[in-house]
N, C-alpha and C. Protein backbone atom coordinates (compact mmCIF):
# COMPACT_ATOMS: atom_id res chain seq x y z
N ILE A 1 -0.37 7.76 -14.50
CA ILE A 1 0.24 6.32 -13.88
C ILE A 1 0.34 5.29 -15.10
N LEU A 2 -0.79 5.47 -15.82
CA LEU A 2 -0.48 4.45 -16.89
C LEU A 2 0.59 4.62 -17.96
N GLU A 3 1.07 5.95 -17.94
CA GLU A 3 2.18 6.45 -18.84
C GLU A 3 3.29 5.98 -18.00
N SER A 4 3.57 6.02 -16.80
CA SER A 4 4.85 5.16 -16.25
C SER A 4 4.87 3.68 -16.11
N LEU A 5 3.80 3.20 -16.35
CA LEU A 5 3.68 1.40 -16.45
C LEU A 5 3.90 0.99 -17.86
N THR A 6 4.71 0.25 -17.96
CA THR A 6 4.97 -0.49 -19.28
C THR A 6 4.80 -1.91 -19.23
N ASP A 7 4.36 -2.39 -20.21
CA ASP A 7 4.11 -4.01 -20.58
C ASP A 7 3.37 -4.63 -19.15
N LEU A 8 2.20 -4.11 -19.27
CA LEU A 8 1.16 -4.88 -18.22
C LEU A 8 0.69 -5.84 -18.49
N ARG A 9 1.02 -6.77 -19.68
CA ARG A 9 0.32 -7.76 -20.10
C ARG A 9 -1.05 -7.85 -19.94
N SER A 10 -1.73 -8.59 -19.08
CA SER A 10 -3.18 -8.79 -18.90
C SER A 10 -3.63 -7.97 -17.57
N THR A 11 -2.69 -7.22 -16.76
CA THR A 11 -3.08 -6.53 -15.79
C THR A 11 -3.70 -5.36 -16.03
N LYS A 12 -5.01 -5.22 -15.25
CA LYS A 12 -5.80 -3.83 -15.45
C LYS A 12 -5.49 -2.95 -14.04
N VAL A 13 -5.22 -1.98 -14.82
CA VAL A 13 -4.94 -0.86 -13.45
C VAL A 13 -6.17 0.18 -13.64
N VAL A 14 -6.85 0.31 -12.25
CA VAL A 14 -7.76 1.44 -12.56
C VAL A 14 -7.68 2.33 -11.35
N VAL A 15 -7.64 3.66 -11.40
CA VAL A 15 -7.39 4.86 -10.60
C VAL A 15 -8.67 5.40 -10.40
N ARG A 16 -8.97 5.69 -9.26
CA ARG A 16 -10.08 6.72 -9.00
C ARG A 16 -9.83 7.46 -7.90
N SER A 17 -10.46 8.45 -7.69
CA SER A 17 -10.62 9.52 -6.72
C SER A 17 -11.68 9.46 -5.80
N GLY A 18 -11.40 10.35 -4.26
CA GLY A 18 -12.32 10.36 -3.63
C GLY A 18 -11.53 10.27 -2.07
N SER A 19 -12.11 10.06 -1.06
CA SER A 19 -11.51 9.96 0.40
C SER A 19 -11.66 8.56 0.57
N PRO A 20 -10.33 8.01 0.91
CA PRO A 20 -10.23 6.63 1.28
C PRO A 20 -10.83 6.30 2.84
N ILE A 21 -11.24 7.25 3.35
CA ILE A 21 -11.74 6.95 4.84
C ILE A 21 -13.38 7.16 4.56
N LEU A 22 -13.84 7.65 3.71
CA LEU A 22 -15.37 7.50 3.64
C LEU A 22 -15.92 6.28 3.11
N ALA A 23 -16.82 5.58 3.91
CA ALA A 23 -17.36 4.35 3.13
C ALA A 23 -17.98 4.74 1.88
N PHE A 24 -18.85 5.85 2.02
CA PHE A 24 -19.42 6.04 0.81
C PHE A 24 -18.72 6.15 -0.58
N ASP A 25 -17.41 6.58 -0.52
CA ASP A 25 -16.64 6.88 -1.58
C ASP A 25 -15.91 5.47 -1.88
N LEU A 26 -15.67 4.54 -0.99
CA LEU A 26 -14.95 3.25 -1.08
C LEU A 26 -16.08 2.47 -1.71
N LYS A 27 -17.63 2.45 -1.44
CA LYS A 27 -18.33 1.80 -2.20
C LYS A 27 -18.60 2.26 -3.51
N LYS A 28 -18.58 3.64 -3.78
CA LYS A 28 -18.60 4.30 -5.02
C LYS A 28 -17.63 3.62 -6.23
N VAL A 29 -16.41 3.38 -5.58
CA VAL A 29 -15.40 2.81 -6.79
C VAL A 29 -15.07 1.30 -6.73
N ALA A 30 -16.33 0.84 -5.75
CA ALA A 30 -16.33 -0.72 -5.71
C ALA A 30 -15.22 -1.21 -5.38
N VAL A 31 -14.37 -0.91 -3.91
CA VAL A 31 -13.58 -1.62 -3.56
C VAL A 31 -13.66 -2.92 -3.12
N SER A 32 -14.70 -3.24 -2.84
CA SER A 32 -15.02 -4.63 -2.38
C SER A 32 -14.90 -5.58 -3.65
N SER A 33 -15.04 -5.24 -4.90
CA SER A 33 -14.66 -5.75 -6.02
C SER A 33 -13.08 -6.06 -6.51
N ALA A 34 -12.19 -5.20 -5.59
CA ALA A 34 -10.91 -5.08 -5.92
C ALA A 34 -10.06 -6.28 -5.68
N ARG A 35 -9.36 -7.18 -6.43
CA ARG A 35 -8.69 -8.06 -5.90
C ARG A 35 -7.40 -7.58 -4.89
N ALA A 36 -6.86 -6.37 -5.21
CA ALA A 36 -5.72 -5.82 -4.51
C ALA A 36 -5.88 -4.39 -4.17
N ILE A 37 -5.78 -4.02 -3.10
CA ILE A 37 -5.53 -2.69 -2.71
C ILE A 37 -4.47 -2.19 -2.10
N ILE A 38 -4.04 -1.05 -2.70
CA ILE A 38 -2.62 -0.52 -2.02
C ILE A 38 -3.03 0.65 -1.18
N VAL A 39 -2.46 0.96 0.14
CA VAL A 39 -2.46 2.31 0.64
C VAL A 39 -1.37 2.98 0.80
N MET A 40 -0.98 3.94 0.29
CA MET A 40 0.40 4.60 -0.10
C MET A 40 0.46 5.56 1.28
N SER A 41 1.85 5.66 1.71
CA SER A 41 1.96 6.56 2.83
C SER A 41 2.18 7.98 2.03
N GLN A 42 1.67 9.12 2.81
CA GLN A 42 1.68 10.40 2.30
C GLN A 42 2.84 10.91 2.76
N ASP A 43 3.68 11.54 1.53
CA ASP A 43 4.79 12.24 1.58
C ASP A 43 4.75 13.52 2.24
N ASN A 44 3.70 14.06 2.26
CA ASN A 44 3.38 15.49 2.61
C ASN A 44 2.93 15.71 4.21
N LEU A 45 3.30 14.60 4.93
CA LEU A 45 2.79 14.57 6.24
C LEU A 45 4.15 13.85 7.10
N GLU A 46 3.95 14.14 8.23
CA GLU A 46 4.96 13.70 9.26
C GLU A 46 4.93 12.33 9.09
N PRO A 47 5.65 11.43 9.36
CA PRO A 47 5.67 9.74 9.35
C PRO A 47 4.68 9.58 10.35
N ASP A 48 4.30 10.01 11.61
CA ASP A 48 3.33 9.35 12.53
C ASP A 48 2.20 9.98 11.88
N GLU A 49 2.13 10.81 11.44
CA GLU A 49 0.49 11.64 10.84
C GLU A 49 0.38 10.69 9.56
N SER A 50 1.18 10.52 8.73
CA SER A 50 0.94 9.31 7.64
C SER A 50 0.74 8.10 7.83
N ASP A 51 1.15 7.67 8.85
CA ASP A 51 0.80 6.47 9.34
C ASP A 51 -0.65 6.19 10.08
N ALA A 52 -0.72 7.38 10.73
CA ALA A 52 -2.11 7.60 11.46
C ALA A 52 -3.07 7.77 10.34
N MET A 53 -3.07 8.24 9.31
CA MET A 53 -4.11 8.08 8.16
C MET A 53 -3.96 6.87 7.59
N ALA A 54 -2.90 6.04 7.31
CA ALA A 54 -2.95 4.58 6.75
C ALA A 54 -3.85 3.66 7.66
N LEU A 55 -3.60 4.15 8.88
CA LEU A 55 -4.61 3.27 9.95
C LEU A 55 -5.77 3.74 10.21
N ARG A 56 -6.49 4.98 9.56
CA ARG A 56 -7.80 5.10 9.39
C ARG A 56 -8.35 4.25 8.11
N VAL A 57 -7.51 4.79 7.00
CA VAL A 57 -7.98 4.06 5.93
C VAL A 57 -7.93 2.53 5.93
N THR A 58 -7.34 1.96 6.65
CA THR A 58 -7.47 0.47 7.03
C THR A 58 -8.76 0.03 7.92
N LEU A 59 -8.94 1.11 8.76
CA LEU A 59 -9.96 0.92 9.51
C LEU A 59 -11.29 0.94 8.54
N SER A 60 -11.56 1.76 7.64
CA SER A 60 -12.48 2.05 6.66
C SER A 60 -12.62 0.91 5.77
N LEU A 61 -11.47 0.34 5.14
CA LEU A 61 -11.68 -0.64 4.27
C LEU A 61 -12.01 -2.22 5.25
N THR A 62 -11.35 -2.28 6.32
CA THR A 62 -11.93 -3.63 6.95
C THR A 62 -13.12 -3.44 7.54
N SER A 63 -13.76 -2.37 7.52
CA SER A 63 -15.22 -2.13 8.07
C SER A 63 -16.18 -2.72 6.72
N LEU A 64 -15.80 -2.69 5.68
CA LEU A 64 -16.90 -2.81 4.72
C LEU A 64 -17.17 -4.38 4.61
N GLU A 65 -18.31 -4.73 4.34
CA GLU A 65 -18.74 -5.92 4.28
C GLU A 65 -18.44 -6.68 2.85
N LYS A 66 -18.16 -7.91 2.67
CA LYS A 66 -17.76 -8.49 1.63
C LYS A 66 -16.48 -8.13 0.79
N LEU A 67 -15.46 -7.48 1.51
CA LEU A 67 -14.24 -7.14 1.16
C LEU A 67 -13.40 -8.28 0.87
N GLU A 68 -12.93 -8.58 -0.38
CA GLU A 68 -12.34 -9.99 -0.58
C GLU A 68 -10.83 -9.57 -1.06
N GLY A 69 -10.45 -8.33 -1.43
CA GLY A 69 -9.29 -8.03 -1.71
C GLY A 69 -8.38 -7.91 -0.64
N HIS A 70 -6.91 -8.33 -1.03
CA HIS A 70 -5.80 -8.24 -0.29
C HIS A 70 -5.35 -6.77 -0.11
N ILE A 71 -5.00 -6.49 1.08
CA ILE A 71 -4.67 -4.97 1.23
C ILE A 71 -3.12 -4.71 1.71
N THR A 72 -2.65 -3.99 0.80
CA THR A 72 -1.03 -3.75 1.28
C THR A 72 -0.83 -2.41 1.67
N VAL A 73 -0.15 -2.07 2.79
CA VAL A 73 -0.20 -0.74 3.40
C VAL A 73 1.26 -0.24 3.82
N GLU A 74 1.66 0.69 2.90
CA GLU A 74 3.09 1.28 3.17
C GLU A 74 3.08 2.26 4.21
N LEU A 75 4.01 1.91 5.25
CA LEU A 75 4.24 2.62 6.29
C LEU A 75 5.55 3.38 6.21
N SER A 76 5.58 4.39 7.04
CA SER A 76 6.73 5.31 7.33
C SER A 76 7.29 5.00 8.59
N ASP A 77 6.97 4.31 9.68
CA ASP A 77 7.70 4.09 10.79
C ASP A 77 7.11 2.68 11.23
N VAL A 78 8.49 1.78 11.39
CA VAL A 78 8.40 0.18 11.76
C VAL A 78 7.52 0.17 12.95
N ASP A 79 7.49 1.07 13.92
CA ASP A 79 6.75 0.79 15.34
C ASP A 79 5.42 0.94 15.22
N ASN A 80 4.87 1.41 14.11
CA ASN A 80 3.28 1.31 14.00
C ASN A 80 2.61 0.34 13.12
N ARG A 81 3.55 -0.62 12.77
CA ARG A 81 3.32 -1.95 12.23
C ARG A 81 2.46 -2.77 12.82
N HIS A 82 2.41 -2.75 14.00
CA HIS A 82 1.51 -3.74 14.69
C HIS A 82 0.09 -3.28 14.78
N LEU A 83 -0.04 -1.88 15.06
CA LEU A 83 -1.33 -1.44 15.07
C LEU A 83 -2.09 -1.55 13.66
N ILE A 84 -1.36 -1.54 12.47
CA ILE A 84 -2.07 -2.14 11.13
C ILE A 84 -2.54 -3.66 11.09
N GLU A 85 -1.51 -4.19 11.68
CA GLU A 85 -1.72 -5.58 11.64
C GLU A 85 -2.68 -6.08 12.48
N LEU A 86 -3.05 -5.45 13.68
CA LEU A 86 -3.86 -5.41 14.79
C LEU A 86 -5.43 -5.42 14.12
N VAL A 87 -5.50 -4.13 13.36
CA VAL A 87 -6.72 -3.59 12.92
C VAL A 87 -6.78 -4.48 11.54
N GLY A 88 -6.17 -5.06 10.49
CA GLY A 88 -6.33 -5.48 9.53
C GLY A 88 -6.38 -6.96 9.61
N ARG A 89 -6.04 -7.65 10.44
CA ARG A 89 -5.82 -9.11 10.88
C ARG A 89 -5.15 -9.71 9.45
N GLN A 90 -5.77 -10.98 9.04
CA GLN A 90 -5.22 -11.68 8.27
C GLN A 90 -5.41 -11.14 6.45
N LYS A 91 -6.11 -9.95 6.11
CA LYS A 91 -6.44 -9.28 4.95
C LYS A 91 -5.30 -8.26 4.84
N VAL A 92 -4.53 -7.69 5.76
CA VAL A 92 -3.63 -6.83 5.51
C VAL A 92 -2.08 -7.21 5.72
N GLU A 93 -1.18 -6.67 4.65
CA GLU A 93 0.40 -7.04 4.79
C GLU A 93 1.06 -5.38 4.77
N THR A 94 1.81 -5.02 5.77
CA THR A 94 2.40 -4.13 5.59
C THR A 94 3.95 -3.77 5.04
N ILE A 95 4.24 -2.66 4.66
CA ILE A 95 5.61 -2.54 4.31
C ILE A 95 6.13 -1.25 4.67
N VAL A 96 7.45 -1.49 5.17
CA VAL A 96 7.81 0.07 5.75
C VAL A 96 8.92 0.39 4.60
N SER A 97 8.41 1.26 3.85
CA SER A 97 9.41 1.67 2.77
C SER A 97 11.05 2.00 3.22
N HIS A 98 11.15 2.73 4.00
CA HIS A 98 12.77 3.04 4.19
C HIS A 98 13.33 2.01 4.48
N ASP A 99 12.80 0.91 5.59
CA ASP A 99 13.13 -0.28 5.63
C ASP A 99 13.59 -1.27 4.76
N LEU A 100 12.44 -1.30 3.65
CA LEU A 100 12.77 -1.96 2.43
C LEU A 100 13.67 -1.52 1.38
N ILE A 101 14.00 -0.21 1.49
CA ILE A 101 14.80 0.31 0.61
C ILE A 101 16.20 0.18 1.10
N GLY A 102 16.34 0.35 2.29
CA GLY A 102 17.78 -0.14 3.04
C GLY A 102 18.01 -1.57 2.59
N ARG A 103 17.14 -2.41 2.87
CA ARG A 103 17.46 -3.86 2.28
C ARG A 103 18.14 -4.10 1.10
N ILE A 104 17.33 -3.51 0.21
CA ILE A 104 17.34 -3.61 -1.36
C ILE A 104 18.98 -2.91 -1.57
N MET A 105 19.36 -1.97 -0.99
CA MET A 105 20.63 -1.13 -1.15
C MET A 105 21.89 -2.20 -0.59
N ILE A 106 21.51 -2.97 0.60
CA ILE A 106 22.41 -3.63 1.26
C ILE A 106 22.69 -4.99 0.15
N GLN A 107 21.51 -5.61 -0.50
CA GLN A 107 21.77 -6.47 -1.52
C GLN A 107 22.35 -6.31 -2.65
N CYS A 108 22.06 -4.92 -3.22
CA CYS A 108 22.88 -4.67 -4.29
C CYS A 108 24.38 -4.16 -4.35
N ALA A 109 24.77 -4.04 -3.01
CA ALA A 109 26.01 -3.68 -2.55
C ALA A 109 26.91 -5.11 -2.44
N ARG A 110 26.06 -6.28 -2.02
CA ARG A 110 26.51 -7.73 -2.14
C ARG A 110 26.54 -8.22 -3.24
N GLN A 111 25.58 -8.03 -4.27
CA GLN A 111 25.24 -8.71 -5.26
C GLN A 111 25.46 -7.68 -6.58
N PRO A 112 26.95 -7.69 -7.33
CA PRO A 112 26.98 -6.70 -8.51
C PRO A 112 26.18 -7.13 -9.39
N GLY A 113 25.51 -6.08 -10.14
CA GLY A 113 24.75 -6.40 -11.06
C GLY A 113 23.22 -6.34 -10.79
N LEU A 114 23.02 -6.51 -9.31
CA LEU A 114 21.47 -6.72 -9.21
C LEU A 114 20.67 -5.05 -9.33
N ALA A 115 21.50 -4.21 -9.19
CA ALA A 115 20.86 -2.69 -9.30
C ALA A 115 20.41 -2.83 -10.65
N ARG A 116 21.23 -3.42 -11.82
CA ARG A 116 20.53 -3.27 -12.97
C ARG A 116 19.58 -4.02 -13.38
N VAL A 117 19.30 -5.17 -12.73
CA VAL A 117 18.02 -5.80 -12.87
C VAL A 117 16.92 -5.06 -12.27
N LEU A 118 17.26 -4.35 -11.25
CA LEU A 118 16.22 -3.49 -10.31
C LEU A 118 15.51 -2.18 -11.09
N ASP A 119 16.61 -1.66 -11.82
CA ASP A 119 16.20 -0.41 -12.28
C ASP A 119 15.31 -0.67 -13.60
N PHE A 120 13.99 -0.46 -13.65
CA PHE A 120 13.28 -0.58 -14.60
C PHE A 120 12.65 0.70 -14.80
């Protein structure tokens, strides 16, 4: 991951492994002290299964005491957005990846040169 990131300036990226649905593993990596938490969708699963896993991870995260970081959850299906937002309340923001890519593609078609700006 660090090899693919360039010009981080003062941003510190920390990557850990473990099960994101186990409270023990979440505490072990000190998730409660993180400023930002990203829950990625799982490409190896069907969209509904991937979103169900994201929901389980969100439930695990929101059940922890003293969690102060903002949670961003990538979803595969827009129909599951309300479930994540219901569970996560004010701490969770959702992104439906294929919707976002579609919007960016439309903007690139409407504004020549935008694709070069986004190509990093």
